[in-house]
Structures are given as structure tokens and as C-alpha cells.
C-alpha atoms as a PDB file:
ATOM      1  CA  MET A   1      -7.352   7.899 -74.210  1.00  0.00           C
ATOM      2  CA  THR A   2      -9.117   4.657 -73.092  1.00  0.00           C
ATOM      3  CA  THR A   3      -9.838   1.933 -75.601  1.00  0.00           C
ATOM      4  CA  TYR A   4     -13.515   0.545 -75.633  1.00  0.00           C
ATOM      5  CA  ILE A   5     -14.814  -2.583 -77.318  1.00  0.00           C
ATOM      6  CA  LEU A   6     -18.526  -2.108 -78.301  1.00  0.00           C
ATOM      7  CA  MET A   7     -20.632  -5.229 -78.998  1.00  0.00           C
ATOM      8  CA  ILE A   8     -23.493  -4.085 -81.168  1.00  0.00           C
ATOM      9  CA  ASN A   9     -26.786  -5.512 -82.624  1.00  0.00           C
ATOM     10  CA  TRP A  10     -29.009  -4.134 -85.283  1.00  0.00           C
ATOM     11  CA  THR A  11     -32.473  -3.233 -84.477  1.00  0.00           C
ATOM     12  CA  ASP A  12     -35.370  -4.155 -86.898  1.00  0.00           C
ATOM     13  CA  GLN A  13     -35.137  -0.713 -88.374  1.00  0.00           C
ATOM     14  CA  GLY A  14     -31.390  -1.030 -88.760  1.00  0.00           C
ATOM     15  CA  ILE A  15     -31.813  -4.328 -90.556  1.00  0.00           C
ATOM     16  CA  ARG A  16     -34.512  -2.927 -92.834  1.00  0.00           C
ATOM     17  CA  ASN A  17     -32.160  -0.120 -93.898  1.00  0.00           C
ATOM     18  CA  VAL A  18     -28.896  -2.322 -94.097  1.00  0.00           C
ATOM     19  CA  LYS A  19     -28.058  -0.740 -97.506  1.00  0.00           C
ATOM     20  CA  GLU A  20     -27.489   2.508 -95.838  1.00  0.00           C
ATOM     21  CA  SER A  21     -25.159   0.948 -93.307  1.00  0.00           C
ATOM     22  CA  ALA A  22     -21.920   2.533 -94.820  1.00  0.00           C
ATOM     23  CA  LYS A  23     -23.409   5.892 -94.612  1.00  0.00           C
ATOM     24  CA  ARG A  24     -24.476   5.276 -91.037  1.00  0.00           C
ATOM     25  CA  LEU A  25     -21.089   4.061 -90.051  1.00  0.00           C
ATOM     26  CA  ASP A  26     -19.564   7.251 -91.507  1.00  0.00           C
ATOM     27  CA  ALA A  27     -22.068   9.345 -89.523  1.00  0.00           C
ATOM     28  CA  ALA A  28     -21.218   7.416 -86.362  1.00  0.00           C
ATOM     29  CA  LYS A  29     -17.519   8.089 -87.023  1.00  0.00           C
ATOM     30  CA  ALA A  30     -18.261  11.809 -87.429  1.00  0.00           C
ATOM     31  CA  LEU A  31     -20.267  11.777 -84.207  1.00  0.00           C
ATOM     32  CA  MET A  32     -17.421  10.126 -82.356  1.00  0.00           C
ATOM     33  CA  GLY A  33     -14.989  12.581 -83.686  1.00  0.00           C
ATOM     34  CA  SER A  34     -17.158  15.518 -82.616  1.00  0.00           C
ATOM     35  CA  LEU A  35     -17.226  13.932 -79.117  1.00  0.00           C
ATOM     36  CA  GLY A  36     -13.386  13.711 -78.964  1.00  0.00           C
ATOM     37  CA  GLY A  37     -13.077  10.036 -79.805  1.00  0.00           C
ATOM     38  CA  SER A  38     -12.303   7.864 -82.647  1.00  0.00           C
ATOM     39  CA  PHE A  39     -13.220   4.335 -84.183  1.00  0.00           C
ATOM     40  CA  GLU A  40      -9.991   2.378 -84.489  1.00  0.00           C
ATOM     41  CA  ARG A  41     -11.551  -0.732 -85.985  1.00  0.00           C
ATOM     42  CA  PHE A  42     -15.083  -1.967 -86.975  1.00  0.00           C
ATOM     43  CA  TYR A  43     -16.030  -5.586 -87.732  1.00  0.00           C
ATOM     44  CA  LEU A  44     -19.151  -7.248 -89.112  1.00  0.00           C
ATOM     45  CA  THR A  45     -19.665 -10.460 -87.243  1.00  0.00           C
ATOM     46  CA  MET A  46     -21.726 -13.666 -87.097  1.00  0.00           C
ATOM     47  CA  GLY A  47     -23.191 -14.994 -83.986  1.00  0.00           C
ATOM     48  CA  GLU A  48     -24.606 -13.347 -80.898  1.00  0.00           C
ATOM     49  CA  TYR A  49     -23.556  -9.761 -81.950  1.00  0.00           C
ATOM     50  CA  ASP A  50     -23.813  -8.150 -85.486  1.00  0.00           C
ATOM     51  CA  MET A  51     -20.808  -5.839 -85.175  1.00  0.00           C
ATOM     52  CA  VAL A  52     -17.851  -5.164 -82.978  1.00  0.00           C
ATOM     53  CA  ALA A  53     -16.268  -1.709 -82.826  1.00  0.00           C
ATOM     54  CA  ILE A  54     -12.944  -0.846 -81.210  1.00  0.00           C
ATOM     55  CA  CYS A  55     -12.957   2.743 -80.197  1.00  0.00           C
ATOM     56  CA  GLU A  56     -10.932   5.304 -78.236  1.00  0.00           C
ATOM     57  CA  ALA A  57     -12.493   7.957 -76.117  1.00  0.00           C
ATOM     58  CA  PRO A  58     -11.365  10.364 -73.379  1.00  0.00           C
ATOM     59  CA  ASP A  59     -13.851   8.859 -70.844  1.00  0.00           C
ATOM     60  CA  ASP A  60     -17.047   6.744 -70.287  1.00  0.00           C
ATOM     61  CA  ARG A  61     -19.253   9.738 -70.741  1.00  0.00           C
ATOM     62  CA  VAL A  62     -18.229  10.040 -74.498  1.00  0.00           C
ATOM     63  CA  ILE A  63     -19.061   6.324 -75.115  1.00  0.00           C
ATOM     64  CA  ALA A  64     -22.335   6.714 -73.341  1.00  0.00           C
ATOM     65  CA  ARG A  65     -23.256   9.668 -75.372  1.00  0.00           C
ATOM     66  CA  LEU A  66     -22.409   7.746 -78.586  1.00  0.00           C
ATOM     67  CA  ARG A  67     -24.333   4.521 -77.499  1.00  0.00           C
ATOM     68  CA  TYR A  68     -27.547   6.583 -76.549  1.00  0.00           C
ATOM     69  CA  ARG A  69     -27.419   8.575 -79.792  1.00  0.00           C
ATOM     70  CA  LEU A  70     -27.238   5.348 -81.839  1.00  0.00           C
ATOM     71  CA  ALA A  71     -29.998   3.831 -79.830  1.00  0.00           C
ATOM     72  CA  TRP A  72     -32.127   6.896 -80.135  1.00  0.00           C
ATOM     73  CA  GLU A  73     -31.703   6.815 -83.952  1.00  0.00           C
ATOM     74  CA  ALA A  74     -33.023   3.162 -83.577  1.00  0.00           C
ATOM     75  CA  MET A  75     -30.376   1.633 -85.751  1.00  0.00           C
ATOM     76  CA  CYS A  76     -28.411  -0.245 -83.081  1.00  0.00           C
ATOM     77  CA  ALA A  77     -29.675  -1.804 -79.881  1.00  0.00           C
ATOM     78  CA  ARG A  78     -28.049  -2.059 -76.531  1.00  0.00           C
ATOM     79  CA  LYS A  79     -28.492  -4.992 -74.256  1.00  0.00           C
ATOM     80  CA  PRO A  80     -29.691  -4.361 -70.861  1.00  0.00           C
END
């Protein structure tokens, strides 16, 4: 498996629903598991990014599917 480091920012909707963030993290972990990957570490940060996740996945497609799914749910933003 390949290790990926994801730099993540909240969207406005994600910030408004911050009290549900633990449930959303559990859902993201379940989604990643269903795609064949796993979250190894997860950090809340201060500065340019709100969160950093260290993940393992079989390939880039798994990470892309995870990122697009999280963006589609409008909780996390991706930088262009």
C-alpha cells in the first residue's frame, strides 16, 4: 500500500456543523475502509490547513474517490 498525506480544509458548511465532526471522521474512515484503504493518523491543525490525514491506499484512484466524495458532501474543500 502507498502512504498519502492529505492536507484538508473545512468548507463553510463543515465549520457550521463542527459538532458533528467526530461522526464525519468515523464515516470517512468507514468509506476509506470500503475502498480498500485506511486512515493511519488524523490531526487537527492551526494555520493554512485545518486537518492533516495520513492514509494508506492501494492506488491513487482510491484517494481520488475519497477526496471527491468528501468534497461532494461539502464538508471538506480541496485546493485547486
